[in-house]
Amino acid sequence: MSRIGKLPINIPAGVKINVSDDNVVTVSGKLGQLFQKIHSDITFQTENNIMHLIRPSDSKTHKSFHGLSRVLINNMVIGVSSGFERKLEVIGVGYRAQATGKLLELFVGYSHPIVFQMPDEVSVEVVQEKRQNAIITLKSFDKQLLGQIAAKIRSFRKPEPYKGKGIRYDGEFVRKKVGKSAND
């Protein structure tokens, strides 16, 4: 059996899960509402605020969809109840970030600032202290969207391997290369 698929999903108070006839799972809570289409062979069993996902057979496709479906629904439940957060760090001399409402403005060594419009589901906050690297904090109830937005922001200036300048995830390790050395 799938180790992840057989784990129960705890449904906290204030979270409602609805499964339609065509296996579209709707999870709504205090932070928002999320939808996800689940494989048609996966069935659901709910009792006492605990949901179990059941697969019909031990075929390879059913095993893979069993674990995937459970993780997707669990992330939706966590998202609408408590939300997710992702931090990015802007490292480099003269590199800075600034947030105004739903706009994120990045100054990362180009001749022009990069202005990025945030979706309505994602909130952004920037902490820029003197002589410190800027920290961009992204918050959302949708984990998939949050990861996609964080990856897009990181792609504007990936960390380079010689000095380590660029935008990186908080806690990400960048292996540095040795530069050119003069011949003796």
N, C-alpha and C. Protein backbone atom coordinates (compact mmCIF):
# COMPACT_ATOMS: atom_id res chain seq x y z
N MET A 1 0.82 -1.19 0.00
CA MET A 1 0.00 0.00 0.00
C MET A 1 0.86 1.25 0.00
N SER A 2 0.35 2.32 -0.56
CA SER A 2 1.06 3.58 -0.56
C SER A 2 1.16 4.12 0.86
N ARG A 3 2.35 4.44 1.27
CA ARG A 3 2.53 4.96 2.62
C ARG A 3 1.87 6.32 2.79
N ILE A 4 1.98 7.14 1.77
CA ILE A 4 1.39 8.48 1.85
C ILE A 4 -0.11 8.42 1.62
N GLY A 5 -0.55 7.61 0.68
CA GLY A 5 -1.97 7.54 0.34
C GLY A 5 -2.84 7.01 1.45
N LYS A 6 -2.29 6.13 2.28
CA LYS A 6 -3.12 5.54 3.34
C LYS A 6 -3.20 6.40 4.59
N LEU A 7 -2.41 7.47 4.66
CA LEU A 7 -2.48 8.36 5.82
C LEU A 7 -3.82 9.10 5.83
N PRO A 8 -4.38 9.32 7.01
CA PRO A 8 -5.65 10.05 7.08
C PRO A 8 -5.44 11.55 6.90
N ILE A 9 -6.48 12.24 6.45
CA ILE A 9 -6.47 13.70 6.33
C ILE A 9 -7.34 14.23 7.46
N ASN A 10 -6.73 14.97 8.37
CA ASN A 10 -7.48 15.58 9.48
C ASN A 10 -8.13 16.86 8.98
N ILE A 11 -9.42 16.99 9.20
CA ILE A 11 -10.16 18.17 8.76
C ILE A 11 -10.39 19.05 9.98
N PRO A 12 -9.72 20.22 10.07
CA PRO A 12 -9.91 21.10 11.22
C PRO A 12 -11.29 21.76 11.22
N ALA A 13 -11.65 22.33 12.36
CA ALA A 13 -12.94 23.02 12.47
C ALA A 13 -12.96 24.22 11.53
N GLY A 14 -14.07 24.45 10.87
CA GLY A 14 -14.22 25.58 9.95
C GLY A 14 -13.85 25.26 8.52
N VAL A 15 -13.40 24.04 8.24
CA VAL A 15 -13.05 23.63 6.88
C VAL A 15 -14.11 22.67 6.38
N LYS A 16 -14.61 22.96 5.17
CA LYS A 16 -15.63 22.11 4.56
C LYS A 16 -15.07 21.50 3.29
N ILE A 17 -15.28 20.19 3.11
CA ILE A 17 -14.85 19.49 1.91
C ILE A 17 -16.08 18.95 1.21
N ASN A 18 -16.18 19.24 -0.08
CA ASN A 18 -17.30 18.78 -0.88
C ASN A 18 -16.74 18.07 -2.12
N VAL A 19 -17.24 16.86 -2.41
CA VAL A 19 -16.81 16.10 -3.58
C VAL A 19 -17.99 16.00 -4.52
N SER A 20 -17.84 16.50 -5.76
CA SER A 20 -18.92 16.46 -6.74
C SER A 20 -18.96 15.10 -7.44
N ASP A 21 -19.91 14.93 -8.31
CA ASP A 21 -20.08 13.67 -9.03
C ASP A 21 -18.92 13.36 -9.96
N ASP A 22 -18.29 14.38 -10.54
CA ASP A 22 -17.18 14.16 -11.45
C ASP A 22 -15.82 14.26 -10.75
N ASN A 23 -15.78 13.97 -9.43
CA ASN A 23 -14.58 13.93 -8.59
C ASN A 23 -13.81 15.26 -8.55
N VAL A 24 -14.52 16.36 -8.52
CA VAL A 24 -13.90 17.66 -8.27
C VAL A 24 -14.06 17.94 -6.79
N VAL A 25 -12.93 18.05 -6.10
CA VAL A 25 -12.93 18.28 -4.66
C VAL A 25 -12.87 19.78 -4.42
N THR A 26 -13.82 20.29 -3.61
CA THR A 26 -13.85 21.70 -3.24
C THR A 26 -13.59 21.80 -1.75
N VAL A 27 -12.55 22.54 -1.38
CA VAL A 27 -12.21 22.75 0.02
C VAL A 27 -12.35 24.23 0.31
N SER A 28 -13.18 24.57 1.30
CA SER A 28 -13.37 25.97 1.66
C SER A 28 -13.11 26.15 3.15
N GLY A 29 -12.50 27.29 3.47
CA GLY A 29 -12.17 27.61 4.85
C GLY A 29 -12.12 29.10 5.05
N LYS A 30 -11.54 29.52 6.16
CA LYS A 30 -11.52 30.95 6.49
C LYS A 30 -10.64 31.77 5.55
N LEU A 31 -9.63 31.17 4.92
CA LEU A 31 -8.73 31.92 4.04
C LEU A 31 -9.15 31.92 2.58
N GLY A 32 -10.00 30.98 2.16
CA GLY A 32 -10.41 30.95 0.77
C GLY A 32 -11.02 29.62 0.38
N GLN A 33 -11.10 29.43 -0.94
CA GLN A 33 -11.71 28.22 -1.47
C GLN A 33 -10.85 27.70 -2.61
N LEU A 34 -10.60 26.37 -2.62
CA LEU A 34 -9.76 25.74 -3.63
C LEU A 34 -10.49 24.57 -4.28
N PHE A 35 -10.17 24.33 -5.56
CA PHE A 35 -10.76 23.24 -6.33
C PHE A 35 -9.64 22.36 -6.86
N GLN A 36 -9.91 21.05 -6.97
CA GLN A 36 -8.94 20.14 -7.57
C GLN A 36 -9.68 18.94 -8.15
N LYS A 37 -9.38 18.62 -9.40
CA LYS A 37 -9.96 17.43 -10.03
C LYS A 37 -9.10 16.24 -9.64
N ILE A 38 -9.74 15.20 -9.12
CA ILE A 38 -9.06 13.99 -8.66
C ILE A 38 -9.41 12.85 -9.63
N HIS A 39 -8.50 11.89 -9.76
CA HIS A 39 -8.71 10.74 -10.64
C HIS A 39 -10.04 10.06 -10.30
N SER A 40 -10.77 9.64 -11.32
CA SER A 40 -12.13 9.15 -11.12
C SER A 40 -12.20 7.83 -10.35
N ASP A 41 -11.12 7.05 -10.30
CA ASP A 41 -11.15 5.77 -9.59
C ASP A 41 -10.95 5.91 -8.08
N ILE A 42 -10.44 7.03 -7.63
CA ILE A 42 -10.19 7.25 -6.20
C ILE A 42 -11.51 7.60 -5.52
N THR A 43 -11.81 6.92 -4.41
CA THR A 43 -13.04 7.20 -3.66
C THR A 43 -12.68 7.77 -2.29
N PHE A 44 -13.66 8.41 -1.67
CA PHE A 44 -13.44 9.12 -0.40
C PHE A 44 -14.34 8.54 0.68
N GLN A 45 -13.81 8.53 1.90
CA GLN A 45 -14.57 8.05 3.05
C GLN A 45 -14.30 9.01 4.20
N THR A 46 -15.36 9.67 4.72
CA THR A 46 -15.20 10.66 5.77
C THR A 46 -16.01 10.25 6.99
N GLU A 47 -15.36 10.33 8.17
CA GLU A 47 -16.07 10.11 9.42
C GLU A 47 -15.28 10.80 10.54
N ASN A 48 -16.01 11.48 11.42
CA ASN A 48 -15.42 12.17 12.58
C ASN A 48 -14.29 13.13 12.19
N ASN A 49 -14.50 13.95 11.17
CA ASN A 49 -13.53 14.94 10.71
C ASN A 49 -12.21 14.31 10.26
N ILE A 50 -12.25 13.08 9.80
CA ILE A 50 -11.08 12.40 9.25
C ILE A 50 -11.49 11.82 7.90
N MET A 51 -10.68 12.12 6.88
CA MET A 51 -10.97 11.63 5.53
C MET A 51 -9.91 10.62 5.12
N HIS A 52 -10.35 9.52 4.52
CA HIS A 52 -9.46 8.51 3.96
C HIS A 52 -9.73 8.41 2.46
N LEU A 53 -8.67 8.21 1.69
CA LEU A 53 -8.79 7.99 0.26
C LEU A 53 -8.58 6.50 -0.01
N ILE A 54 -9.42 5.93 -0.86
CA ILE A 54 -9.38 4.50 -1.12
C ILE A 54 -9.19 4.29 -2.62
N ARG A 55 -8.27 3.39 -2.97
CA ARG A 55 -8.04 3.06 -4.37
C ARG A 55 -8.62 1.68 -4.66
N PRO A 56 -9.06 1.43 -5.90
CA PRO A 56 -9.74 0.17 -6.21
C PRO A 56 -8.81 -1.04 -6.35
N SER A 57 -7.55 -0.82 -6.77
CA SER A 57 -6.65 -1.97 -6.98
C SER A 57 -5.22 -1.56 -6.67
N ASP A 58 -4.30 -2.51 -6.81
CA ASP A 58 -2.89 -2.23 -6.56
C ASP A 58 -2.10 -2.03 -7.84
N SER A 59 -2.77 -1.57 -8.89
CA SER A 59 -2.06 -1.30 -10.14
C SER A 59 -1.18 -0.06 -9.96
N LYS A 60 -0.20 0.06 -10.83
CA LYS A 60 0.78 1.15 -10.70
C LYS A 60 0.12 2.52 -10.81
N THR A 61 -0.84 2.69 -11.73
CA THR A 61 -1.50 3.99 -11.88
C THR A 61 -2.36 4.31 -10.66
N HIS A 62 -3.05 3.32 -10.12
CA HIS A 62 -3.88 3.58 -8.94
C HIS A 62 -3.01 3.93 -7.73
N LYS A 63 -1.87 3.26 -7.59
CA LYS A 63 -0.97 3.58 -6.48
C LYS A 63 -0.45 5.01 -6.58
N SER A 64 -0.05 5.42 -7.79
CA SER A 64 0.51 6.76 -7.96
C SER A 64 -0.55 7.83 -7.75
N PHE A 65 -1.77 7.62 -8.26
CA PHE A 65 -2.83 8.60 -8.06
C PHE A 65 -3.33 8.63 -6.62
N HIS A 66 -3.20 7.52 -5.90
CA HIS A 66 -3.63 7.45 -4.51
C HIS A 66 -2.81 8.42 -3.65
N GLY A 67 -1.49 8.33 -3.74
CA GLY A 67 -0.62 9.21 -2.96
C GLY A 67 -0.73 10.67 -3.40
N LEU A 68 -0.77 10.88 -4.71
CA LEU A 68 -0.87 12.24 -5.24
C LEU A 68 -2.16 12.92 -4.79
N SER A 69 -3.27 12.22 -4.88
CA SER A 69 -4.56 12.79 -4.51
C SER A 69 -4.59 13.16 -3.04
N ARG A 70 -4.05 12.29 -2.21
CA ARG A 70 -4.03 12.56 -0.77
C ARG A 70 -3.21 13.80 -0.45
N VAL A 71 -2.05 13.94 -1.07
CA VAL A 71 -1.19 15.10 -0.82
C VAL A 71 -1.85 16.39 -1.31
N LEU A 72 -2.47 16.35 -2.47
CA LEU A 72 -3.13 17.55 -3.00
C LEU A 72 -4.26 18.00 -2.09
N ILE A 73 -5.09 17.06 -1.64
CA ILE A 73 -6.21 17.43 -0.77
C ILE A 73 -5.71 17.90 0.58
N ASN A 74 -4.68 17.25 1.13
CA ASN A 74 -4.12 17.67 2.41
C ASN A 74 -3.54 19.08 2.33
N ASN A 75 -2.85 19.41 1.23
CA ASN A 75 -2.32 20.76 1.04
C ASN A 75 -3.44 21.78 0.93
N MET A 76 -4.55 21.40 0.30
CA MET A 76 -5.68 22.32 0.20
C MET A 76 -6.28 22.57 1.58
N VAL A 77 -6.40 21.53 2.41
CA VAL A 77 -6.96 21.68 3.76
C VAL A 77 -6.06 22.56 4.62
N ILE A 78 -4.75 22.33 4.57
CA ILE A 78 -3.81 23.16 5.33
C ILE A 78 -3.84 24.59 4.83
N GLY A 79 -3.92 24.77 3.52
CA GLY A 79 -3.91 26.11 2.94
C GLY A 79 -5.10 26.96 3.36
N VAL A 80 -6.31 26.41 3.29
CA VAL A 80 -7.49 27.22 3.62
C VAL A 80 -7.65 27.40 5.12
N SER A 81 -6.97 26.59 5.94
CA SER A 81 -7.08 26.76 7.39
C SER A 81 -5.97 27.63 7.96
N SER A 82 -4.71 27.41 7.54
CA SER A 82 -3.61 28.21 8.11
C SER A 82 -2.76 28.93 7.08
N GLY A 83 -2.75 28.50 5.83
CA GLY A 83 -2.01 29.19 4.77
C GLY A 83 -0.56 28.73 4.69
N PHE A 84 0.11 29.17 3.63
CA PHE A 84 1.51 28.84 3.39
C PHE A 84 2.32 30.12 3.24
N GLU A 85 3.63 30.00 3.49
CA GLU A 85 4.53 31.15 3.41
C GLU A 85 5.82 30.70 2.74
N ARG A 86 6.36 31.55 1.88
CA ARG A 86 7.63 31.28 1.21
C ARG A 86 8.48 32.54 1.29
N LYS A 87 9.75 32.40 1.65
CA LYS A 87 10.65 33.56 1.76
C LYS A 87 11.75 33.46 0.71
N LEU A 88 12.06 34.62 0.13
CA LEU A 88 13.14 34.75 -0.84
C LEU A 88 14.11 35.81 -0.32
N GLU A 89 15.38 35.63 -0.62
CA GLU A 89 16.40 36.56 -0.16
C GLU A 89 17.08 37.18 -1.38
N VAL A 90 17.20 38.51 -1.38
CA VAL A 90 17.85 39.23 -2.49
C VAL A 90 19.25 39.59 -2.03
N ILE A 91 20.27 38.98 -2.67
CA ILE A 91 21.66 39.14 -2.25
C ILE A 91 22.45 39.80 -3.36
N GLY A 92 23.15 40.88 -3.04
CA GLY A 92 24.00 41.56 -4.00
C GLY A 92 24.13 43.03 -3.67
N VAL A 93 25.28 43.60 -4.03
CA VAL A 93 25.50 45.02 -3.78
C VAL A 93 24.59 45.84 -4.69
N GLY A 94 23.78 46.69 -4.11
CA GLY A 94 22.85 47.52 -4.86
C GLY A 94 21.56 46.81 -5.23
N TYR A 95 21.43 45.54 -4.90
CA TYR A 95 20.19 44.81 -5.18
C TYR A 95 19.19 45.13 -4.07
N ARG A 96 17.98 45.45 -4.46
CA ARG A 96 16.95 45.72 -3.46
C ARG A 96 15.57 45.39 -4.03
N ALA A 97 14.61 45.32 -3.13
CA ALA A 97 13.23 45.01 -3.51
C ALA A 97 12.31 45.95 -2.76
N GLN A 98 11.14 46.19 -3.36
CA GLN A 98 10.17 47.11 -2.78
C GLN A 98 8.77 46.64 -3.16
N ALA A 99 7.89 46.59 -2.17
CA ALA A 99 6.52 46.15 -2.42
C ALA A 99 5.55 47.27 -2.13
N THR A 100 4.64 47.52 -3.08
CA THR A 100 3.57 48.49 -2.89
C THR A 100 2.27 47.83 -3.35
N GLY A 101 1.46 47.45 -2.39
CA GLY A 101 0.20 46.77 -2.72
C GLY A 101 0.45 45.43 -3.35
N LYS A 102 -0.04 45.22 -4.56
CA LYS A 102 0.14 43.95 -5.28
C LYS A 102 1.31 44.01 -6.27
N LEU A 103 2.12 45.06 -6.22
CA LEU A 103 3.27 45.19 -7.11
C LEU A 103 4.57 44.93 -6.34
N LEU A 104 5.44 44.14 -6.94
CA LEU A 104 6.78 43.90 -6.40
C LEU A 104 7.77 44.49 -7.38
N GLU A 105 8.59 45.41 -6.90
CA GLU A 105 9.58 46.08 -7.74
C GLU A 105 10.97 45.59 -7.33
N LEU A 106 11.71 45.03 -8.28
CA LEU A 106 13.02 44.47 -8.02
C LEU A 106 14.10 45.27 -8.75
N PHE A 107 15.14 45.61 -8.02
CA PHE A 107 16.30 46.27 -8.60
C PHE A 107 17.45 45.27 -8.45
N VAL A 108 17.74 44.51 -9.51
CA VAL A 108 18.70 43.41 -9.41
C VAL A 108 19.79 43.49 -10.48
N GLY A 109 20.31 44.68 -10.71
CA GLY A 109 21.47 44.82 -11.59
C GLY A 109 21.16 45.06 -13.04
N TYR A 110 19.91 45.16 -13.43
CA TYR A 110 19.57 45.48 -14.81
C TYR A 110 19.47 47.00 -14.96
N SER A 111 19.37 47.49 -16.18
CA SER A 111 19.28 48.93 -16.43
C SER A 111 17.93 49.49 -16.03
N HIS A 112 16.97 48.62 -15.76
CA HIS A 112 15.61 49.04 -15.41
C HIS A 112 15.10 48.17 -14.26
N PRO A 113 14.20 48.69 -13.46
CA PRO A 113 13.61 47.84 -12.41
C PRO A 113 12.62 46.84 -13.02
N ILE A 114 12.50 45.70 -12.38
CA ILE A 114 11.53 44.69 -12.80
C ILE A 114 10.29 44.87 -11.92
N VAL A 115 9.14 45.09 -12.56
CA VAL A 115 7.88 45.25 -11.84
C VAL A 115 7.05 44.00 -12.08
N PHE A 116 6.68 43.33 -10.98
CA PHE A 116 5.94 42.07 -11.06
C PHE A 116 4.60 42.23 -10.37
N GLN A 117 3.53 41.96 -11.10
CA GLN A 117 2.16 42.05 -10.57
C GLN A 117 1.80 40.75 -9.88
N MET A 118 1.44 40.81 -8.61
CA MET A 118 1.05 39.62 -7.85
C MET A 118 -0.40 39.26 -8.13
N PRO A 119 -0.73 37.98 -8.16
CA PRO A 119 -2.14 37.58 -8.26
C PRO A 119 -2.89 37.96 -6.98
N ASP A 120 -4.21 37.95 -7.06
CA ASP A 120 -5.02 38.33 -5.90
C ASP A 120 -4.85 37.38 -4.73
N GLU A 121 -4.54 36.11 -4.99
CA GLU A 121 -4.43 35.11 -3.94
C GLU A 121 -3.12 35.20 -3.15
N VAL A 122 -2.13 35.93 -3.66
CA VAL A 122 -0.81 36.00 -3.04
C VAL A 122 -0.58 37.40 -2.49
N SER A 123 -0.13 37.47 -1.24
CA SER A 123 0.25 38.76 -0.65
C SER A 123 1.77 38.79 -0.52
N VAL A 124 2.33 39.96 -0.68
CA VAL A 124 3.78 40.12 -0.65
C VAL A 124 4.16 41.17 0.39
N GLU A 125 5.29 40.92 1.04
CA GLU A 125 5.84 41.85 2.03
C GLU A 125 7.35 41.82 1.90
N VAL A 126 7.98 42.99 1.95
CA VAL A 126 9.43 43.07 1.82
C VAL A 126 10.00 43.74 3.06
N VAL A 127 11.03 43.12 3.63
CA VAL A 127 11.75 43.70 4.76
C VAL A 127 13.15 44.03 4.27
N GLN A 128 13.47 45.32 4.27
CA GLN A 128 14.78 45.78 3.79
C GLN A 128 15.38 46.65 4.90
N GLU A 129 16.35 46.09 5.61
CA GLU A 129 17.02 46.86 6.66
C GLU A 129 18.37 47.31 6.14
N LYS A 130 18.87 48.37 6.74
CA LYS A 130 20.15 48.92 6.31
C LYS A 130 21.27 47.90 6.51
N ARG A 131 22.09 47.73 5.49
CA ARG A 131 23.22 46.81 5.48
C ARG A 131 22.81 45.34 5.62
N GLN A 132 21.58 45.02 5.27
CA GLN A 132 21.08 43.64 5.30
C GLN A 132 20.48 43.31 3.94
N ASN A 133 20.40 42.04 3.64
CA ASN A 133 19.75 41.59 2.40
C ASN A 133 18.25 41.75 2.53
N ALA A 134 17.61 42.07 1.41
CA ALA A 134 16.15 42.19 1.40
C ALA A 134 15.52 40.80 1.50
N ILE A 135 14.47 40.69 2.31
CA ILE A 135 13.73 39.45 2.45
C ILE A 135 12.34 39.67 1.89
N ILE A 136 11.97 38.88 0.88
CA ILE A 136 10.63 38.95 0.28
C ILE A 136 9.82 37.80 0.88
N THR A 137 8.69 38.12 1.51
CA THR A 137 7.82 37.11 2.10
C THR A 137 6.54 37.03 1.29
N LEU A 138 6.26 35.85 0.76
CA LEU A 138 5.04 35.60 -0.01
C LEU A 138 4.12 34.73 0.83
N LYS A 139 2.83 35.09 0.90
CA LYS A 139 1.85 34.31 1.66
C LYS A 139 0.64 34.04 0.78
N SER A 140 0.12 32.81 0.89
CA SER A 140 -1.06 32.43 0.12
C SER A 140 -1.69 31.18 0.74
N PHE A 141 -2.92 30.91 0.35
CA PHE A 141 -3.57 29.68 0.77
C PHE A 141 -3.43 28.59 -0.28
N ASP A 142 -2.92 28.93 -1.46
CA ASP A 142 -2.74 27.98 -2.56
C ASP A 142 -1.25 27.65 -2.69
N LYS A 143 -0.85 26.45 -2.28
CA LYS A 143 0.56 26.07 -2.26
C LYS A 143 1.15 25.99 -3.67
N GLN A 144 0.38 25.50 -4.63
CA GLN A 144 0.87 25.38 -6.01
C GLN A 144 1.15 26.75 -6.61
N LEU A 145 0.23 27.68 -6.44
CA LEU A 145 0.41 29.03 -6.96
C LEU A 145 1.56 29.74 -6.28
N LEU A 146 1.69 29.55 -4.97
CA LEU A 146 2.77 30.18 -4.21
C LEU A 146 4.13 29.71 -4.70
N GLY A 147 4.29 28.42 -4.93
CA GLY A 147 5.55 27.89 -5.45
C GLY A 147 5.85 28.39 -6.85
N GLN A 148 4.84 28.52 -7.67
CA GLN A 148 5.02 29.00 -9.03
C GLN A 148 5.46 30.47 -9.04
N ILE A 149 4.83 31.30 -8.20
CA ILE A 149 5.19 32.71 -8.12
C ILE A 149 6.61 32.87 -7.57
N ALA A 150 6.96 32.09 -6.53
CA ALA A 150 8.31 32.16 -5.96
C ALA A 150 9.36 31.77 -6.99
N ALA A 151 9.09 30.74 -7.79
CA ALA A 151 10.02 30.32 -8.83
C ALA A 151 10.16 31.38 -9.91
N LYS A 152 9.06 32.05 -10.25
CA LYS A 152 9.10 33.12 -11.26
C LYS A 152 9.95 34.29 -10.77
N ILE A 153 9.78 34.68 -9.50
CA ILE A 153 10.56 35.79 -8.95
C ILE A 153 12.04 35.41 -8.91
N ARG A 154 12.33 34.17 -8.53
CA ARG A 154 13.73 33.71 -8.48
C ARG A 154 14.35 33.71 -9.87
N SER A 155 13.55 33.44 -10.91
CA SER A 155 14.09 33.36 -12.27
C SER A 155 14.53 34.71 -12.82
N PHE A 156 14.11 35.82 -12.20
CA PHE A 156 14.53 37.14 -12.69
C PHE A 156 16.03 37.35 -12.52
N ARG A 157 16.62 36.77 -11.47
CA ARG A 157 18.07 36.82 -11.28
C ARG A 157 18.47 35.64 -10.41
N LYS A 158 18.75 34.50 -11.05
CA LYS A 158 19.14 33.31 -10.30
C LYS A 158 20.50 33.54 -9.64
N PRO A 159 20.78 32.88 -8.52
CA PRO A 159 22.08 33.06 -7.87
C PRO A 159 23.21 32.57 -8.77
N GLU A 160 24.19 33.42 -8.97
CA GLU A 160 25.30 33.02 -9.84
C GLU A 160 26.37 32.32 -8.99
N PRO A 161 27.13 31.40 -9.60
CA PRO A 161 27.99 30.52 -8.81
C PRO A 161 29.33 31.12 -8.36
N TYR A 162 29.69 32.32 -8.80
CA TYR A 162 30.99 32.86 -8.46
C TYR A 162 30.95 33.76 -7.22
N LYS A 163 29.98 34.66 -7.15
CA LYS A 163 29.85 35.52 -5.97
C LYS A 163 28.60 35.21 -5.16
N GLY A 164 27.67 34.49 -5.74
CA GLY A 164 26.45 34.14 -5.03
C GLY A 164 25.37 35.20 -5.11
N LYS A 165 25.56 36.22 -5.96
CA LYS A 165 24.57 37.28 -6.07
C LYS A 165 23.32 36.78 -6.79
N GLY A 166 22.17 37.32 -6.40
CA GLY A 166 20.92 36.96 -7.05
C GLY A 166 19.80 36.78 -6.05
N ILE A 167 18.71 36.20 -6.51
CA ILE A 167 17.55 35.94 -5.66
C ILE A 167 17.52 34.44 -5.38
N ARG A 168 17.49 34.09 -4.10
CA ARG A 168 17.45 32.69 -3.71
C ARG A 168 16.41 32.46 -2.64
N TYR A 169 15.98 31.20 -2.52
CA TYR A 169 15.05 30.84 -1.46
C TYR A 169 15.77 30.97 -0.13
N ASP A 170 15.02 31.31 0.91
CA ASP A 170 15.60 31.44 2.24
C ASP A 170 16.12 30.08 2.69
N GLY A 171 17.39 30.01 3.03
CA GLY A 171 18.00 28.77 3.45
C GLY A 171 18.61 27.95 2.33
N GLU A 172 18.50 28.42 1.08
CA GLU A 172 19.05 27.68 -0.06
C GLU A 172 20.58 27.82 -0.06
N PHE A 173 21.26 26.71 -0.30
CA PHE A 173 22.71 26.72 -0.37
C PHE A 173 23.15 26.79 -1.82
N VAL A 174 24.03 27.75 -2.12
CA VAL A 174 24.55 27.90 -3.48
C VAL A 174 26.03 27.53 -3.43
N ARG A 175 26.40 26.47 -4.15
CA ARG A 175 27.80 26.05 -4.19
C ARG A 175 28.57 27.03 -5.06
N LYS A 176 29.64 27.60 -4.50
CA LYS A 176 30.41 28.60 -5.24
C LYS A 176 31.58 27.93 -5.95
N LYS A 177 31.85 28.44 -7.15
CA LYS A 177 32.96 27.95 -7.94
C LYS A 177 34.19 28.81 -7.68
N VAL A 178 35.35 28.23 -7.95
CA VAL A 178 36.60 28.98 -7.83
C VAL A 178 36.79 29.73 -9.14
N GLY A 179 37.12 31.02 -9.05
CA GLY A 179 37.31 31.81 -10.26
C GLY A 179 38.65 31.51 -10.92
N LYS A 180 38.97 32.34 -11.91
CA LYS A 180 40.25 32.18 -12.59
C LYS A 180 41.40 32.43 -11.64
N SER A 181 42.49 31.72 -11.85
CA SER A 181 43.69 31.98 -11.04
C SER A 181 44.82 32.35 -11.99
N ALA A 182 45.67 33.24 -11.53
CA ALA A 182 46.78 33.69 -12.36
C ALA A 182 47.85 32.59 -12.45
N ASN A 183 48.47 32.49 -13.61
CA ASN A 183 49.55 31.49 -13.78
C ASN A 183 50.80 31.98 -13.05
N ASP A 184 51.41 31.07 -12.34
CA ASP A 184 52.64 31.45 -11.60
C ASP A 184 53.86 31.26 -12.42
